[in-house]
N, C-alpha and C. Protein backbone atom coordinates (compact mmCIF):
# COMPACT_ATOMS: atom_id res chain seq x y z
N MET A 1 -60.06 34.07 -56.77
CA MET A 1 -59.93 35.45 -56.35
C MET A 1 -61.03 35.73 -55.33
N GLU A 2 -60.69 36.43 -54.27
CA GLU A 2 -61.65 36.69 -53.21
C GLU A 2 -62.00 38.17 -53.18
N GLY A 3 -63.16 38.46 -52.63
CA GLY A 3 -63.54 39.84 -52.38
C GLY A 3 -64.35 40.46 -53.48
N ARG A 4 -64.90 41.61 -53.13
CA ARG A 4 -65.76 42.36 -54.03
C ARG A 4 -64.92 43.32 -54.86
N ILE A 5 -65.20 43.36 -56.16
CA ILE A 5 -64.58 44.34 -57.04
C ILE A 5 -65.67 45.35 -57.35
N ALA A 6 -65.49 46.59 -56.92
CA ALA A 6 -66.55 47.58 -57.03
C ALA A 6 -66.89 47.87 -58.49
N THR A 7 -65.90 48.15 -59.31
CA THR A 7 -66.17 48.50 -60.70
C THR A 7 -65.04 48.03 -61.59
N MET A 8 -65.32 48.00 -62.88
CA MET A 8 -64.30 47.77 -63.90
C MET A 8 -64.60 48.75 -65.02
N ASP A 9 -63.57 49.48 -65.47
CA ASP A 9 -63.78 50.37 -66.60
C ASP A 9 -63.47 49.64 -67.90
N ILE A 10 -63.58 50.36 -69.01
CA ILE A 10 -63.41 49.73 -70.32
C ILE A 10 -62.01 49.13 -70.49
N ASN A 11 -61.00 49.75 -69.88
CA ASN A 11 -59.64 49.20 -69.97
C ASN A 11 -59.52 47.88 -69.23
N ASP A 12 -60.16 47.78 -68.07
CA ASP A 12 -60.17 46.52 -67.32
C ASP A 12 -60.91 45.44 -68.12
N ILE A 13 -62.03 45.83 -68.74
CA ILE A 13 -62.83 44.88 -69.51
C ILE A 13 -62.05 44.35 -70.71
N THR A 14 -61.41 45.25 -71.46
CA THR A 14 -60.67 44.81 -72.65
C THR A 14 -59.39 44.06 -72.29
N SER A 15 -58.94 44.17 -71.06
CA SER A 15 -57.77 43.37 -70.65
C SER A 15 -58.16 41.91 -70.45
N LEU A 16 -59.46 41.64 -70.29
CA LEU A 16 -59.94 40.27 -70.08
C LEU A 16 -60.65 39.69 -71.30
N LEU A 17 -61.54 40.46 -71.90
CA LEU A 17 -62.31 39.96 -73.05
C LEU A 17 -61.56 40.20 -74.35
N PRO A 18 -61.64 39.28 -75.30
CA PRO A 18 -60.98 39.48 -76.59
C PRO A 18 -61.82 40.34 -77.55
N HIS A 19 -63.06 40.60 -77.22
CA HIS A 19 -63.98 41.33 -78.10
C HIS A 19 -63.53 42.79 -78.28
N ARG A 20 -63.78 43.31 -79.48
CA ARG A 20 -63.50 44.71 -79.79
C ARG A 20 -64.64 45.24 -80.65
N TYR A 21 -64.63 46.55 -80.91
CA TYR A 21 -65.66 47.17 -81.74
C TYR A 21 -65.77 46.42 -83.05
N PRO A 22 -66.97 46.14 -83.50
CA PRO A 22 -68.27 46.53 -82.96
C PRO A 22 -68.92 45.46 -82.08
N PHE A 23 -68.12 44.52 -81.57
CA PHE A 23 -68.71 43.39 -80.87
C PHE A 23 -68.49 43.39 -79.36
N LEU A 24 -67.83 44.41 -78.82
CA LEU A 24 -67.70 44.52 -77.38
C LEU A 24 -68.99 45.14 -76.86
N LEU A 25 -69.74 44.41 -76.05
CA LEU A 25 -71.09 44.82 -75.67
C LEU A 25 -71.25 45.12 -74.18
N ILE A 26 -70.14 45.39 -73.50
CA ILE A 26 -70.19 45.83 -72.10
C ILE A 26 -69.31 47.07 -71.99
N ASP A 27 -69.89 48.15 -71.44
CA ASP A 27 -69.16 49.41 -71.29
C ASP A 27 -68.53 49.56 -69.91
N ARG A 28 -69.14 48.97 -68.90
CA ARG A 28 -68.67 49.14 -67.53
C ARG A 28 -69.21 48.00 -66.67
N VAL A 29 -68.43 47.63 -65.67
CA VAL A 29 -68.90 46.70 -64.64
C VAL A 29 -69.09 47.53 -63.38
N VAL A 30 -70.30 47.49 -62.82
CA VAL A 30 -70.60 48.27 -61.63
C VAL A 30 -70.47 47.46 -60.35
N GLU A 31 -70.46 46.14 -60.48
CA GLU A 31 -70.27 45.28 -59.31
C GLU A 31 -69.79 43.92 -59.75
N CYS A 32 -68.85 43.38 -58.98
CA CYS A 32 -68.38 42.03 -59.24
C CYS A 32 -68.00 41.38 -57.92
N VAL A 33 -68.56 40.23 -57.69
CA VAL A 33 -68.20 39.39 -56.55
C VAL A 33 -67.72 38.08 -57.15
N PRO A 34 -66.40 37.89 -57.29
CA PRO A 34 -65.89 36.66 -57.91
C PRO A 34 -66.50 35.42 -57.27
N GLY A 35 -66.87 34.48 -58.14
CA GLY A 35 -67.49 33.25 -57.67
C GLY A 35 -68.99 33.35 -57.46
N GLU A 36 -69.53 34.58 -57.58
CA GLU A 36 -70.95 34.78 -57.32
C GLU A 36 -71.68 35.55 -58.40
N LEU A 37 -71.30 36.81 -58.63
CA LEU A 37 -72.15 37.70 -59.40
C LEU A 37 -71.35 38.80 -60.08
N LEU A 38 -71.84 39.22 -61.25
CA LEU A 38 -71.28 40.38 -61.94
C LEU A 38 -72.43 41.17 -62.53
N ILE A 39 -72.37 42.50 -62.38
CA ILE A 39 -73.37 43.39 -62.97
C ILE A 39 -72.64 44.36 -63.89
N GLY A 40 -73.03 44.32 -65.17
CA GLY A 40 -72.41 45.18 -66.17
C GLY A 40 -73.44 46.09 -66.81
N ILE A 41 -72.93 47.10 -67.52
CA ILE A 41 -73.77 48.09 -68.19
C ILE A 41 -73.40 48.16 -69.66
N LYS A 42 -74.42 48.21 -70.51
CA LYS A 42 -74.26 48.50 -71.94
C LYS A 42 -75.12 49.71 -72.24
N ASN A 43 -74.49 50.82 -72.63
CA ASN A 43 -75.22 52.00 -73.05
C ASN A 43 -75.56 51.84 -74.53
N VAL A 44 -76.83 51.77 -74.83
CA VAL A 44 -77.29 51.52 -76.20
C VAL A 44 -77.51 52.88 -76.88
N THR A 45 -76.77 53.12 -77.96
CA THR A 45 -76.89 54.39 -78.68
C THR A 45 -77.32 54.15 -80.12
N MET A 46 -77.80 55.19 -80.75
CA MET A 46 -78.22 55.10 -82.15
C MET A 46 -77.02 54.82 -83.06
N ASN A 47 -75.81 54.99 -82.55
CA ASN A 47 -74.59 54.76 -83.33
C ASN A 47 -74.24 53.29 -83.48
N GLU A 48 -74.98 52.39 -82.84
CA GLU A 48 -74.69 50.96 -82.97
C GLU A 48 -74.86 50.55 -84.43
N PRO A 49 -73.91 49.82 -85.00
CA PRO A 49 -73.96 49.50 -86.43
C PRO A 49 -75.17 48.66 -86.85
N TYR A 50 -75.71 47.85 -85.96
CA TYR A 50 -76.82 46.98 -86.32
C TYR A 50 -78.14 47.74 -86.50
N PHE A 51 -78.25 48.96 -85.97
CA PHE A 51 -79.51 49.69 -86.09
C PHE A 51 -79.81 50.12 -87.53
N ALA A 52 -78.79 50.20 -88.37
CA ALA A 52 -79.03 50.57 -89.78
C ALA A 52 -79.97 49.59 -90.47
N GLY A 53 -79.90 48.33 -90.08
CA GLY A 53 -80.73 47.32 -90.75
C GLY A 53 -81.72 46.62 -89.84
N HIS A 54 -81.75 46.96 -88.54
CA HIS A 54 -82.61 46.24 -87.58
C HIS A 54 -83.32 47.22 -86.67
N PHE A 55 -84.29 47.86 -87.00
CA PHE A 55 -84.99 47.92 -88.28
C PHE A 55 -85.03 49.37 -88.73
N PRO A 56 -84.88 49.66 -90.02
CA PRO A 56 -84.91 51.04 -90.49
C PRO A 56 -86.21 51.74 -90.05
N GLY A 57 -86.05 52.87 -89.39
CA GLY A 57 -87.21 53.63 -88.91
C GLY A 57 -87.77 53.14 -87.59
N HIS A 58 -87.34 52.00 -87.12
CA HIS A 58 -87.80 51.43 -85.84
C HIS A 58 -86.65 50.60 -85.23
N PRO A 59 -85.59 51.29 -84.76
CA PRO A 59 -84.40 50.56 -84.29
C PRO A 59 -84.66 49.73 -83.03
N VAL A 60 -84.29 48.45 -83.09
CA VAL A 60 -84.43 47.52 -81.98
C VAL A 60 -83.13 46.71 -81.89
N MET A 61 -82.57 46.61 -80.69
CA MET A 61 -81.37 45.80 -80.49
C MET A 61 -81.73 44.33 -80.69
N PRO A 62 -81.02 43.63 -81.58
CA PRO A 62 -81.33 42.21 -81.81
C PRO A 62 -81.21 41.38 -80.52
N GLY A 63 -82.15 40.48 -80.33
CA GLY A 63 -82.14 39.63 -79.14
C GLY A 63 -80.87 38.82 -79.00
N VAL A 64 -80.32 38.37 -80.11
CA VAL A 64 -79.09 37.58 -80.03
C VAL A 64 -77.93 38.43 -79.50
N LEU A 65 -77.96 39.74 -79.73
CA LEU A 65 -76.91 40.60 -79.20
C LEU A 65 -77.11 40.87 -77.71
N ILE A 66 -78.35 40.87 -77.25
CA ILE A 66 -78.59 40.95 -75.82
C ILE A 66 -78.03 39.69 -75.15
N LEU A 67 -78.27 38.53 -75.76
CA LEU A 67 -77.70 37.29 -75.23
C LEU A 67 -76.18 37.32 -75.26
N GLU A 68 -75.60 37.87 -76.33
CA GLU A 68 -74.13 37.99 -76.41
C GLU A 68 -73.60 38.90 -75.31
N ALA A 69 -74.29 40.01 -75.05
CA ALA A 69 -73.86 40.90 -73.96
C ALA A 69 -73.90 40.16 -72.62
N LEU A 70 -74.94 39.36 -72.40
CA LEU A 70 -75.01 38.56 -71.18
C LEU A 70 -73.88 37.53 -71.14
N ALA A 71 -73.56 36.92 -72.28
CA ALA A 71 -72.46 35.95 -72.34
C ALA A 71 -71.13 36.63 -72.02
N GLN A 72 -70.94 37.86 -72.48
CA GLN A 72 -69.70 38.58 -72.17
C GLN A 72 -69.61 38.88 -70.67
N ALA A 73 -70.75 39.19 -70.05
CA ALA A 73 -70.76 39.37 -68.59
C ALA A 73 -70.35 38.07 -67.89
N CYS A 74 -70.83 36.94 -68.40
CA CYS A 74 -70.44 35.64 -67.85
C CYS A 74 -68.94 35.40 -68.01
N GLY A 75 -68.40 35.74 -69.18
CA GLY A 75 -66.96 35.59 -69.40
C GLY A 75 -66.14 36.41 -68.43
N LEU A 76 -66.56 37.66 -68.20
CA LEU A 76 -65.84 38.50 -67.22
C LEU A 76 -65.89 37.90 -65.83
N LEU A 77 -67.07 37.41 -65.43
CA LEU A 77 -67.20 36.79 -64.10
C LEU A 77 -66.34 35.54 -64.01
N ALA A 78 -66.30 34.76 -65.07
CA ALA A 78 -65.47 33.54 -65.06
C ALA A 78 -63.99 33.90 -64.92
N PHE A 79 -63.52 34.89 -65.68
CA PHE A 79 -62.13 35.31 -65.55
C PHE A 79 -61.82 35.82 -64.15
N LYS A 80 -62.70 36.65 -63.59
CA LYS A 80 -62.47 37.19 -62.26
C LYS A 80 -62.54 36.09 -61.19
N THR A 81 -63.36 35.09 -61.42
CA THR A 81 -63.46 33.97 -60.47
C THR A 81 -62.22 33.09 -60.54
N ALA A 82 -61.69 32.90 -61.75
CA ALA A 82 -60.51 32.05 -61.93
C ALA A 82 -59.24 32.70 -61.37
N GLY A 83 -59.29 33.98 -61.07
CA GLY A 83 -58.12 34.67 -60.52
C GLY A 83 -57.32 35.32 -61.61
N ASP A 84 -56.00 35.17 -61.55
CA ASP A 84 -55.17 35.74 -62.59
C ASP A 84 -55.62 35.21 -63.94
N ARG A 85 -55.54 36.05 -64.93
CA ARG A 85 -56.05 35.66 -66.25
C ARG A 85 -55.36 34.40 -66.75
N PRO A 86 -56.15 33.37 -66.97
CA PRO A 86 -55.56 32.14 -67.51
C PRO A 86 -55.17 32.35 -68.97
N ASN A 87 -54.32 31.50 -69.46
CA ASN A 87 -53.90 31.57 -70.86
C ASN A 87 -54.94 30.87 -71.71
N GLY A 88 -56.09 31.54 -71.84
CA GLY A 88 -57.18 30.94 -72.59
C GLY A 88 -58.28 31.93 -72.87
N ILE A 89 -59.35 31.39 -73.43
CA ILE A 89 -60.51 32.19 -73.79
C ILE A 89 -61.75 31.38 -73.43
N PHE A 90 -62.80 32.06 -72.97
CA PHE A 90 -64.05 31.38 -72.67
C PHE A 90 -64.93 31.41 -73.91
N TYR A 91 -65.40 30.24 -74.30
CA TYR A 91 -66.29 30.11 -75.45
C TYR A 91 -67.70 29.81 -74.96
N LEU A 92 -68.68 30.38 -75.64
CA LEU A 92 -70.07 30.07 -75.39
C LEU A 92 -70.35 28.66 -75.89
N VAL A 93 -70.90 27.81 -75.03
CA VAL A 93 -71.20 26.44 -75.45
C VAL A 93 -72.68 26.09 -75.32
N GLY A 94 -73.46 26.98 -74.70
CA GLY A 94 -74.88 26.69 -74.61
C GLY A 94 -75.69 27.85 -74.08
N VAL A 95 -76.90 27.99 -74.61
CA VAL A 95 -77.89 28.96 -74.12
C VAL A 95 -79.20 28.20 -73.99
N GLU A 96 -79.80 28.30 -72.82
CA GLU A 96 -81.06 27.60 -72.58
C GLU A 96 -82.07 28.54 -71.95
N ASN A 97 -83.33 28.24 -72.19
CA ASN A 97 -84.44 28.95 -71.56
C ASN A 97 -84.41 30.46 -71.78
N ALA A 98 -84.04 30.87 -72.99
CA ALA A 98 -84.01 32.30 -73.31
C ALA A 98 -85.43 32.83 -73.42
N ARG A 99 -85.67 33.98 -72.78
CA ARG A 99 -86.96 34.65 -72.84
C ARG A 99 -86.73 36.14 -73.03
N PHE A 100 -87.59 36.75 -73.82
CA PHE A 100 -87.52 38.19 -74.08
C PHE A 100 -88.86 38.81 -73.74
N LYS A 101 -88.84 39.97 -73.10
CA LYS A 101 -90.08 40.61 -72.66
C LYS A 101 -90.37 41.91 -73.40
N ARG A 102 -89.35 42.75 -73.59
CA ARG A 102 -89.55 44.04 -74.23
C ARG A 102 -88.36 44.39 -75.10
N PRO A 103 -88.57 45.23 -76.12
CA PRO A 103 -87.44 45.61 -76.98
C PRO A 103 -86.49 46.57 -76.28
N VAL A 104 -85.24 46.54 -76.72
CA VAL A 104 -84.21 47.48 -76.27
C VAL A 104 -83.95 48.43 -77.43
N ILE A 105 -84.03 49.73 -77.14
CA ILE A 105 -83.94 50.75 -78.19
C ILE A 105 -82.83 51.76 -77.86
N PRO A 106 -82.43 52.57 -78.85
CA PRO A 106 -81.42 53.59 -78.57
C PRO A 106 -81.83 54.48 -77.40
N GLY A 107 -80.86 54.79 -76.55
CA GLY A 107 -81.10 55.57 -75.34
C GLY A 107 -81.26 54.73 -74.10
N ASP A 108 -81.52 53.43 -74.26
CA ASP A 108 -81.65 52.53 -73.11
C ASP A 108 -80.27 52.24 -72.52
N GLN A 109 -80.26 52.02 -71.21
CA GLN A 109 -79.07 51.52 -70.55
C GLN A 109 -79.39 50.09 -70.10
N LEU A 110 -78.74 49.14 -70.73
CA LEU A 110 -78.97 47.73 -70.47
C LEU A 110 -78.14 47.30 -69.26
N ARG A 111 -78.82 46.78 -68.24
CA ARG A 111 -78.14 46.27 -67.04
C ARG A 111 -78.06 44.76 -67.18
N LEU A 112 -76.84 44.25 -67.15
CA LEU A 112 -76.56 42.84 -67.40
C LEU A 112 -76.13 42.18 -66.11
N GLU A 113 -76.86 41.16 -65.69
CA GLU A 113 -76.52 40.47 -64.44
C GLU A 113 -76.23 39.01 -64.73
N ALA A 114 -75.07 38.56 -64.27
CA ALA A 114 -74.67 37.16 -64.41
C ALA A 114 -74.39 36.59 -63.02
N LYS A 115 -75.01 35.45 -62.72
CA LYS A 115 -74.78 34.75 -61.46
C LYS A 115 -74.21 33.38 -61.77
N LEU A 116 -73.10 33.05 -61.13
CA LEU A 116 -72.48 31.74 -61.31
C LEU A 116 -73.28 30.69 -60.55
N LYS A 117 -73.77 29.69 -61.28
CA LYS A 117 -74.49 28.58 -60.64
C LYS A 117 -73.49 27.52 -60.19
N ARG A 118 -72.61 27.12 -61.13
CA ARG A 118 -71.61 26.11 -60.80
C ARG A 118 -70.62 25.97 -61.96
N ALA A 119 -69.50 25.37 -61.65
CA ALA A 119 -68.50 25.02 -62.67
C ALA A 119 -68.15 23.56 -62.44
N ILE A 120 -68.43 22.74 -63.45
CA ILE A 120 -68.19 21.30 -63.34
C ILE A 120 -67.41 20.84 -64.56
N ARG A 121 -66.27 20.17 -64.32
CA ARG A 121 -65.45 19.61 -65.39
C ARG A 121 -65.17 20.62 -66.51
N GLY A 122 -64.86 21.85 -66.12
CA GLY A 122 -64.49 22.87 -67.10
C GLY A 122 -65.64 23.60 -67.77
N VAL A 123 -66.87 23.21 -67.44
CA VAL A 123 -68.03 23.91 -68.00
C VAL A 123 -68.64 24.78 -66.90
N TRP A 124 -68.73 26.07 -67.20
CA TRP A 124 -69.25 27.06 -66.26
C TRP A 124 -70.71 27.32 -66.60
N MET A 125 -71.58 27.33 -65.58
CA MET A 125 -73.01 27.54 -65.80
C MET A 125 -73.47 28.79 -65.05
N PHE A 126 -74.23 29.63 -65.76
CA PHE A 126 -74.66 30.92 -65.23
C PHE A 126 -76.15 31.12 -65.41
N GLU A 127 -76.76 31.86 -64.50
CA GLU A 127 -78.10 32.40 -64.68
C GLU A 127 -77.91 33.87 -65.00
N THR A 128 -78.62 34.37 -66.02
CA THR A 128 -78.44 35.76 -66.43
C THR A 128 -79.79 36.46 -66.56
N GLN A 129 -79.72 37.78 -66.46
CA GLN A 129 -80.90 38.60 -66.65
C GLN A 129 -80.48 39.98 -67.15
N ALA A 130 -81.25 40.53 -68.08
CA ALA A 130 -81.04 41.89 -68.57
C ALA A 130 -82.26 42.72 -68.23
N THR A 131 -82.02 43.96 -67.76
CA THR A 131 -83.11 44.88 -67.44
C THR A 131 -82.78 46.26 -68.00
N VAL A 132 -83.82 47.07 -68.18
CA VAL A 132 -83.69 48.49 -68.51
C VAL A 132 -84.59 49.25 -67.54
N ASP A 133 -84.01 50.19 -66.81
CA ASP A 133 -84.76 50.98 -65.82
C ASP A 133 -85.54 50.09 -64.85
N GLY A 134 -84.95 48.97 -64.46
CA GLY A 134 -85.60 48.06 -63.52
C GLY A 134 -86.64 47.15 -64.14
N ASN A 135 -86.88 47.29 -65.45
CA ASN A 135 -87.86 46.46 -66.14
C ASN A 135 -87.19 45.28 -66.83
N PHE A 136 -87.75 44.10 -66.64
CA PHE A 136 -87.22 42.88 -67.23
C PHE A 136 -87.21 42.98 -68.76
N VAL A 137 -86.06 42.64 -69.36
CA VAL A 137 -85.90 42.63 -70.81
C VAL A 137 -85.70 41.20 -71.32
N ALA A 138 -84.75 40.48 -70.70
CA ALA A 138 -84.42 39.14 -71.18
C ALA A 138 -83.75 38.35 -70.07
N GLU A 139 -83.78 37.03 -70.23
CA GLU A 139 -83.06 36.15 -69.31
C GLU A 139 -82.72 34.87 -70.04
N CYS A 140 -81.71 34.18 -69.53
CA CYS A 140 -81.36 32.86 -70.05
C CYS A 140 -80.34 32.22 -69.13
N GLU A 141 -80.11 30.94 -69.36
CA GLU A 141 -79.03 30.21 -68.70
C GLU A 141 -77.93 30.06 -69.75
N ILE A 142 -76.69 30.32 -69.34
CA ILE A 142 -75.55 30.29 -70.27
C ILE A 142 -74.51 29.32 -69.75
N ARG A 143 -73.95 28.54 -70.66
CA ARG A 143 -72.81 27.68 -70.36
C ARG A 143 -71.63 28.13 -71.19
N CYS A 144 -70.46 28.13 -70.59
CA CYS A 144 -69.25 28.44 -71.35
C CYS A 144 -68.13 27.54 -70.86
N ALA A 145 -67.11 27.41 -71.67
CA ALA A 145 -65.95 26.58 -71.32
C ALA A 145 -64.70 27.32 -71.75
N MET A 146 -63.62 27.15 -70.97
CA MET A 146 -62.37 27.80 -71.29
C MET A 146 -61.52 26.88 -72.15
N ARG A 147 -60.94 27.47 -73.18
CA ARG A 147 -60.02 26.74 -74.04
C ARG A 147 -58.68 27.44 -73.97
N GLU A 148 -57.64 26.65 -73.73
CA GLU A 148 -56.28 27.20 -73.67
C GLU A 148 -55.86 27.73 -75.02
N LEU A 149 -55.13 28.82 -75.01
CA LEU A 149 -54.62 29.40 -76.26
C LEU A 149 -53.19 28.95 -76.51
């Protein structure tokens, strides 16, 4: 698929990703350049189910869920890069060099950036970064592979 996709709303996102509540972690795509880059948004609210136990009185978004949100951004970019939706699903197959700098709390807007590094023999490799208000939150390298359904 060629060209820039300015935005994707929740209906566009759910037409590509299999995730649903409470595990859909992208609310909007603000920019997508197939084959290159995708920028998504996750609005973090106190209504997130994980805040009840992580941590009572001091809610912090679990780091693994930040990585999952980044992986979902990678999945969206992979689908948009592949063109028409293939008859399959992208599975996470690797996370490397994960780093976390600051906690994500209710009221934050998490900006998720995924850049396609390469796709070799069915394995897609991405560089990702999450920020809040321009401040670095987390980064990692993500690998995923598509499996036919």
